[in-house]
Amino acid sequence: MRAFVLVKTEDPEGVKRFLDELPEVREAHLVYGGYDVVAVVEVPDIKRLGSIVLEELREHFPIKETLTLITLD
């Protein structure tokens, strides 16, 4: 399963560094616009995706908002 995860945070650089260390994250980018970081994530199931987005990121960083887009292919 592949997803694009968009993140609003007070610490974009820290979030990007953290995401770069996760084996499931294929790419992470700092971006301009409504969000601060965009990551491409490949996980075996929705449970692991939720763990990354809802638990791991939020326990390490001040996350304002996330938007997760799961691909159909």
PDB file of N, CA and C in Angstrom:
ATOM      1  N   MET A   1       0.837  -1.162   0.000  1.00  0.00           N
ATOM      2  CA  MET A   1       0.000   0.000   0.000  1.00  0.00           C
ATOM      3  C   MET A   1       0.890   1.235   0.000  1.00  0.00           C
ATOM      4  N   ARG A   2       0.576   2.165  -0.883  1.00  0.00           N
ATOM      5  CA  ARG A   2       1.343   3.409  -0.973  1.00  0.00           C
ATOM      6  C   ARG A   2       0.443   4.579  -0.594  1.00  0.00           C
ATOM      7  N   ALA A   3       1.036   5.550   0.115  1.00  0.00           N
ATOM      8  CA  ALA A   3       0.286   6.737   0.508  1.00  0.00           C
ATOM      9  C   ALA A   3       1.186   7.959   0.445  1.00  0.00           C
ATOM     10  N   PHE A   4       0.553   9.086   0.196  1.00  0.00           N
ATOM     11  CA  PHE A   4       1.213  10.376   0.301  1.00  0.00           C
ATOM     12  C   PHE A   4       0.740  10.979   1.615  1.00  0.00           C
ATOM     13  N   VAL A   5       1.673  11.362   2.461  1.00  0.00           N
ATOM     14  CA  VAL A   5       1.339  11.935   3.758  1.00  0.00           C
ATOM     15  C   VAL A   5       1.805  13.385   3.768  1.00  0.00           C
ATOM     16  N   LEU A   6       0.867  14.299   3.952  1.00  0.00           N
ATOM     17  CA  LEU A   6       1.158  15.730   4.008  1.00  0.00           C
ATOM     18  C   LEU A   6       1.082  16.156   5.469  1.00  0.00           C
ATOM     19  N   VAL A   7       2.065  16.944   5.902  1.00  0.00           N
ATOM     20  CA  VAL A   7       2.180  17.286   7.316  1.00  0.00           C
ATOM     21  C   VAL A   7       2.345  18.793   7.498  1.00  0.00           C
ATOM     22  N   LYS A   8       1.557  19.350   8.436  1.00  0.00           N
ATOM     23  CA  LYS A   8       1.764  20.720   8.917  1.00  0.00           C
ATOM     24  C   LYS A   8       2.385  20.597  10.298  1.00  0.00           C
ATOM     25  N   THR A   9       3.502  21.291  10.504  1.00  0.00           N
ATOM     26  CA  THR A   9       4.214  21.163  11.771  1.00  0.00           C
ATOM     27  C   THR A   9       4.999  22.428  12.080  1.00  0.00           C
ATOM     28  N   GLU A  10       5.366  22.578  13.341  1.00  0.00           N
ATOM     29  CA  GLU A  10       6.229  23.684  13.741  1.00  0.00           C
ATOM     30  C   GLU A  10       7.708  23.356  13.527  1.00  0.00           C
ATOM     31  N   ASP A  11       8.003  22.098  13.205  1.00  0.00           N
ATOM     32  CA  ASP A  11       9.395  21.654  13.026  1.00  0.00           C
ATOM     33  C   ASP A  11       9.541  20.841  11.732  1.00  0.00           C
ATOM     34  N   PRO A  12       9.417  21.505  10.570  1.00  0.00           N
ATOM     35  CA  PRO A  12       9.486  20.768   9.306  1.00  0.00           C
ATOM     36  C   PRO A  12      10.793  20.000   9.101  1.00  0.00           C
ATOM     37  N   GLU A  13      11.914  20.628   9.429  1.00  0.00           N
ATOM     38  CA  GLU A  13      13.200  19.963   9.221  1.00  0.00           C
ATOM     39  C   GLU A  13      13.319  18.713  10.090  1.00  0.00           C
ATOM     40  N   GLY A  14      12.888  18.805  11.334  1.00  0.00           N
ATOM     41  CA  GLY A  14      12.932  17.655  12.232  1.00  0.00           C
ATOM     42  C   GLY A  14      12.036  16.524  11.756  1.00  0.00           C
ATOM     43  N   VAL A  15      10.845  16.871  11.293  1.00  0.00           N
ATOM     44  CA  VAL A  15       9.922  15.848  10.776  1.00  0.00           C
ATOM     45  C   VAL A  15      10.527  15.171   9.555  1.00  0.00           C
ATOM     46  N   LYS A  16      11.107  15.952   8.654  1.00  0.00           N
ATOM     47  CA  LYS A  16      11.718  15.352   7.457  1.00  0.00           C
ATOM     48  C   LYS A  16      12.855  14.415   7.845  1.00  0.00           C
ATOM     49  N   ARG A  17      13.725  14.847   8.745  1.00  0.00           N
ATOM     50  CA  ARG A  17      14.826  13.976   9.182  1.00  0.00           C
ATOM     51  C   ARG A  17      14.291  12.682   9.798  1.00  0.00           C
ATOM     52  N   PHE A  18      13.252  12.795  10.622  1.00  0.00           N
ATOM     53  CA  PHE A  18      12.646  11.623  11.253  1.00  0.00           C
ATOM     54  C   PHE A  18      12.077  10.674  10.197  1.00  0.00           C
ATOM     55  N   LEU A  19      11.331  11.222   9.245  1.00  0.00           N
ATOM     56  CA  LEU A  19      10.727  10.394   8.199  1.00  0.00           C
ATOM     57  C   LEU A  19      11.786   9.733   7.329  1.00  0.00           C
ATOM     58  N   ASP A  20      12.871  10.449   7.054  1.00  0.00           N
ATOM     59  CA  ASP A  20      13.955   9.882   6.244  1.00  0.00           C
ATOM     60  C   ASP A  20      14.554   8.628   6.882  1.00  0.00           C
ATOM     61  N   GLU A  21      14.448   8.491   8.187  1.00  0.00           N
ATOM     62  CA  GLU A  21      15.008   7.337   8.899  1.00  0.00           C
ATOM     63  C   GLU A  21      14.082   6.121   8.924  1.00  0.00           C
ATOM     64  N   LEU A  22      12.809   6.298   8.589  1.00  0.00           N
ATOM     65  CA  LEU A  22      11.871   5.174   8.611  1.00  0.00           C
ATOM     66  C   LEU A  22      12.003   4.353   7.333  1.00  0.00           C
ATOM     67  N   PRO A  23      12.122   3.039   7.449  1.00  0.00           N
ATOM     68  CA  PRO A  23      12.303   2.211   6.252  1.00  0.00           C
ATOM     69  C   PRO A  23      11.113   2.253   5.291  1.00  0.00           C
ATOM     70  N   GLU A  24       9.934   2.557   5.791  1.00  0.00           N
ATOM     71  CA  GLU A  24       8.739   2.594   4.930  1.00  0.00           C
ATOM     72  C   GLU A  24       8.630   3.871   4.113  1.00  0.00           C
ATOM     73  N   VAL A  25       9.396   4.885   4.463  1.00  0.00           N
ATOM     74  CA  VAL A  25       9.323   6.172   3.758  1.00  0.00           C
ATOM     75  C   VAL A  25      10.268   6.133   2.565  1.00  0.00           C
ATOM     76  N   ARG A  26       9.695   6.224   1.375  1.00  0.00           N
ATOM     77  CA  ARG A  26      10.476   6.188   0.141  1.00  0.00           C
ATOM     78  C   ARG A  26      11.048   7.557  -0.199  1.00  0.00           C
ATOM     79  N   GLU A  27      10.279   8.613   0.111  1.00  0.00           N
ATOM     80  CA  GLU A  27      10.717   9.985  -0.141  1.00  0.00           C
ATOM     81  C   GLU A  27      10.087  10.884   0.905  1.00  0.00           C
ATOM     82  N   ALA A  28      10.790  11.938   1.274  1.00  0.00           N
ATOM     83  CA  ALA A  28      10.229  12.988   2.122  1.00  0.00           C
ATOM     84  C   ALA A  28      10.784  14.313   1.633  1.00  0.00           C
ATOM     85  N   HIS A  29       9.904  15.309   1.512  1.00  0.00           N
ATOM     86  CA  HIS A  29      10.309  16.599   0.950  1.00  0.00           C
ATOM     87  C   HIS A  29       9.734  17.743   1.774  1.00  0.00           C
ATOM     88  N   LEU A  30      10.537  18.786   1.983  1.00  0.00           N
ATOM     89  CA  LEU A  30      10.037  20.044   2.503  1.00  0.00           C
ATOM     90  C   LEU A  30       9.377  20.766   1.340  1.00  0.00           C
ATOM     91  N   VAL A  31       8.187  21.346   1.569  1.00  0.00           N
ATOM     92  CA  VAL A  31       7.449  21.982   0.478  1.00  0.00           C
ATOM     93  C   VAL A  31       6.881  23.327   0.926  1.00  0.00           C
ATOM     94  N   TYR A  32       6.617  24.174  -0.055  1.00  0.00           N
ATOM     95  CA  TYR A  32       5.903  25.429   0.175  1.00  0.00           C
ATOM     96  C   TYR A  32       4.421  25.164  -0.021  1.00  0.00           C
ATOM     97  N   GLY A  33       3.593  25.978   0.597  1.00  0.00           N
ATOM     98  CA  GLY A  33       2.155  25.866   0.400  1.00  0.00           C
ATOM     99  C   GLY A  33       1.452  25.581   1.716  1.00  0.00           C
ATOM    100  N   GLY A  34       0.338  24.901   1.626  1.00  0.00           N
ATOM    101  CA  GLY A  34      -0.495  24.633   2.785  1.00  0.00           C
ATOM    102  C   GLY A  34       0.089  23.646   3.774  1.00  0.00           C
ATOM    103  N   TYR A  35       1.040  22.832   3.324  1.00  0.00           N
ATOM    104  CA  TYR A  35       1.693  21.852   4.187  1.00  0.00           C
ATOM    105  C   TYR A  35       3.193  22.100   4.183  1.00  0.00           C
ATOM    106  N   ASP A  36       3.882  21.514   5.150  1.00  0.00           N
ATOM    107  CA  ASP A  36       5.321  21.738   5.305  1.00  0.00           C
ATOM    108  C   ASP A  36       6.176  20.586   4.788  1.00  0.00           C
ATOM    109  N   VAL A  37       5.643  19.361   4.885  1.00  0.00           N
ATOM    110  CA  VAL A  37       6.382  18.157   4.491  1.00  0.00           C
ATOM    111  C   VAL A  37       5.426  17.246   3.728  1.00  0.00           C
ATOM    112  N   VAL A  38       5.946  16.635   2.665  1.00  0.00           N
ATOM    113  CA  VAL A  38       5.209  15.608   1.934  1.00  0.00           C
ATOM    114  C   VAL A  38       6.078  14.358   1.897  1.00  0.00           C
ATOM    115  N   ALA A  39       5.488  13.225   2.257  1.00  0.00           N
ATOM    116  CA  ALA A  39       6.226  11.963   2.261  1.00  0.00           C
ATOM    117  C   ALA A  39       5.493  10.921   1.432  1.00  0.00           C
ATOM    118  N   VAL A  40       6.259  10.098   0.741  1.00  0.00           N
ATOM    119  CA  VAL A  40       5.727   8.930   0.049  1.00  0.00           C
ATOM    120  C   VAL A  40       6.047   7.729   0.926  1.00  0.00           C
ATOM    121  N   VAL A  41       5.000   7.023   1.347  1.00  0.00           N
ATOM    122  CA  VAL A  41       5.146   5.931   2.307  1.00  0.00           C
ATOM    123  C   VAL A  41       4.624   4.646   1.682  1.00  0.00           C
ATOM    124  N   GLU A  42       5.374   3.557   1.825  1.00  0.00           N
ATOM    125  CA  GLU A  42       4.912   2.238   1.383  1.00  0.00           C
ATOM    126  C   GLU A  42       4.881   1.315   2.591  1.00  0.00           C
ATOM    127  N   VAL A  43       3.681   0.821   2.905  1.00  0.00           N
ATOM    128  CA  VAL A  43       3.468  -0.009   4.090  1.00  0.00           C
ATOM    129  C   VAL A  43       2.689  -1.254   3.708  1.00  0.00           C
ATOM    130  N   PRO A  44       2.770  -2.306   4.530  1.00  0.00           N
ATOM    131  CA  PRO A  44       2.043  -3.528   4.211  1.00  0.00           C
ATOM    132  C   PRO A  44       0.537  -3.413   4.427  1.00  0.00           C
ATOM    133  N   ASP A  45       0.119  -2.513   5.343  1.00  0.00           N
ATOM    134  CA  ASP A  45      -1.306  -2.425   5.654  1.00  0.00           C
ATOM    135  C   ASP A  45      -1.651  -1.089   6.311  1.00  0.00           C
ATOM    136  N   ILE A  46      -2.935  -0.856   6.452  1.00  0.00           N
ATOM    137  CA  ILE A  46      -3.423   0.400   7.009  1.00  0.00           C
ATOM    138  C   ILE A  46      -3.021   0.569   8.472  1.00  0.00           C
ATOM    139  N   LYS A  47      -2.882  -0.534   9.177  1.00  0.00           N
ATOM    140  CA  LYS A  47      -2.487  -0.464  10.585  1.00  0.00           C
ATOM    141  C   LYS A  47      -1.101   0.166  10.733  1.00  0.00           C
ATOM    142  N   ARG A  48      -0.156  -0.242   9.902  1.00  0.00           N
ATOM    143  CA  ARG A  48       1.195   0.330   9.976  1.00  0.00           C
ATOM    144  C   ARG A  48       1.183   1.792   9.553  1.00  0.00           C
ATOM    145  N   LEU A  49       0.405   2.128   8.550  1.00  0.00           N
ATOM    146  CA  LEU A  49       0.294   3.527   8.127  1.00  0.00           C
ATOM    147  C   LEU A  49      -0.229   4.384   9.275  1.00  0.00           C
ATOM    148  N   GLY A  50      -1.272   3.911   9.936  1.00  0.00           N
ATOM    149  CA  GLY A  50      -1.826   4.635  11.074  1.00  0.00           C
ATOM    150  C   GLY A  50      -0.824   4.784  12.198  1.00  0.00           C
ATOM    151  N   SER A  51      -0.030   3.762  12.421  1.00  0.00           N
ATOM    152  CA  SER A  51       0.983   3.817  13.470  1.00  0.00           C
ATOM    153  C   SER A  51       2.003   4.916  13.190  1.00  0.00           C
ATOM    154  N   ILE A  52       2.429   5.028  11.953  1.00  0.00           N
ATOM    155  CA  ILE A  52       3.402   6.061  11.584  1.00  0.00           C
ATOM    156  C   ILE A  52       2.788   7.450  11.755  1.00  0.00           C
ATOM    157  N   VAL A  53       1.604   7.642  11.197  1.00  0.00           N
ATOM    158  CA  VAL A  53       0.998   8.971  11.165  1.00  0.00           C
ATOM    159  C   VAL A  53       0.416   9.376  12.526  1.00  0.00           C
ATOM    160  N   LEU A  54      -0.314   8.488  13.147  1.00  0.00           N
ATOM    161  CA  LEU A  54      -1.043   8.858  14.360  1.00  0.00           C
ATOM    162  C   LEU A  54      -0.237   8.698  15.644  1.00  0.00           C
ATOM    163  N   GLU A  55       0.751   7.826  15.639  1.00  0.00           N
ATOM    164  CA  GLU A  55       1.500   7.585  16.869  1.00  0.00           C
ATOM    165  C   GLU A  55       2.930   8.118  16.786  1.00  0.00           C
ATOM    166  N   GLU A  56       3.726   7.589  15.885  1.00  0.00           N
ATOM    167  CA  GLU A  56       5.155   7.914  15.864  1.00  0.00           C
ATOM    168  C   GLU A  56       5.424   9.391  15.607  1.00  0.00           C
ATOM    169  N   LEU A  57       4.809   9.955  14.594  1.00  0.00           N
ATOM    170  CA  LEU A  57       5.034  11.379  14.312  1.00  0.00           C
ATOM    171  C   LEU A  57       4.561  12.252  15.469  1.00  0.00           C
ATOM    172  N   ARG A  58       3.375  11.976  15.959  1.00  0.00           N
ATOM    173  CA  ARG A  58       2.777  12.839  16.981  1.00  0.00           C
ATOM    174  C   ARG A  58       3.443  12.715  18.340  1.00  0.00           C
ATOM    175  N   GLU A  59       4.106  11.596  18.620  1.00  0.00           N
ATOM    176  CA  GLU A  59       4.780  11.515  19.915  1.00  0.00           C
ATOM    177  C   GLU A  59       6.136  12.206  19.901  1.00  0.00           C
ATOM    178  N   HIS A  60       6.673  12.503  18.717  1.00  0.00           N
ATOM    179  CA  HIS A  60       7.992  13.151  18.627  1.00  0.00           C
ATOM    180  C   HIS A  60       7.936  14.633  18.244  1.00  0.00           C
ATOM    181  N   PHE A  61       6.844  15.074  17.606  1.00  0.00           N
ATOM    182  CA  PHE A  61       6.810  16.421  17.045  1.00  0.00           C
ATOM    183  C   PHE A  61       5.477  17.101  17.285  1.00  0.00           C
ATOM    184  N   PRO A  62       5.491  18.450  17.303  1.00  0.00           N
ATOM    185  CA  PRO A  62       4.235  19.204  17.403  1.00  0.00           C
ATOM    186  C   PRO A  62       3.545  19.254  16.032  1.00  0.00           C
ATOM    187  N   ILE A  63       2.685  18.295  15.770  1.00  0.00           N
ATOM    188  CA  ILE A  63       1.988  18.189  14.488  1.00  0.00           C
ATOM    189  C   ILE A  63       0.687  18.984  14.564  1.00  0.00           C
ATOM    190  N   LYS A  64       0.519  19.893  13.628  1.00  0.00           N
ATOM    191  CA  LYS A  64      -0.711  20.695  13.572  1.00  0.00           C
ATOM    192  C   LYS A  64      -1.816  19.956  12.823  1.00  0.00           C
ATOM    193  N   GLU A  65      -1.422  19.290  11.730  1.00  0.00           N
ATOM    194  CA  GLU A  65      -2.416  18.638  10.879  1.00  0.00           C
ATOM    195  C   GLU A  65      -1.711  17.675   9.940  1.00  0.00           C
ATOM    196  N   THR A  66      -2.411  16.606   9.566  1.00  0.00           N
ATOM    197  CA  THR A  66      -1.915  15.709   8.515  1.00  0.00           C
ATOM    198  C   THR A  66      -3.051  15.450   7.529  1.00  0.00           C
ATOM    199  N   LEU A  67      -2.662  15.104   6.335  1.00  0.00           N
ATOM    200  CA  LEU A  67      -3.585  14.657   5.305  1.00  0.00           C
ATOM    201  C   LEU A  67      -2.941  13.445   4.661  1.00  0.00           C
ATOM    202  N   THR A  68      -3.630  12.323   4.680  1.00  0.00           N
ATOM    203  CA  THR A  68      -3.088  11.082   4.131  1.00  0.00           C
ATOM    204  C   THR A  68      -3.892  10.701   2.901  1.00  0.00           C
ATOM    205  N   LEU A  69      -3.211  10.532   1.779  1.00  0.00           N
ATOM    206  CA  LEU A  69      -3.823  10.161   0.513  1.00  0.00           C
ATOM    207  C   LEU A  69      -3.327   8.783   0.128  1.00  0.00           C
ATOM    208  N   ILE A  70      -4.207   7.790   0.172  1.00  0.00           N
ATOM    209  CA  ILE A  70      -3.837   6.411  -0.155  1.00  0.00           C
ATOM    210  C   ILE A  70      -4.078   6.202  -1.650  1.00  0.00           C
ATOM    211  N   THR A  71      -3.064   5.689  -2.348  1.00  0.00           N
ATOM    212  CA  THR A  71      -3.186   5.503  -3.787  1.00  0.00           C
ATOM    213  C   THR A  71      -4.060   4.287  -4.109  1.00  0.00           C
ATOM    214  N   LEU A  72      -4.612   4.288  -5.305  1.00  0.00           N
ATOM    215  CA  LEU A  72      -5.446   3.185  -5.757  1.00  0.00           C
ATOM    216  C   LEU A  72      -4.666   2.119  -6.513  1.00  0.00           C
ATOM    217  N   ASP A  73      -3.428   2.415  -6.874  1.00  0.00           N
ATOM    218  CA  ASP A  73      -2.644   1.427  -7.633  1.00  0.00           C
ATOM    219  C   ASP A  73      -1.624   0.725  -6.777  1.00  0.00           C
TER     220      ASP A  73
END
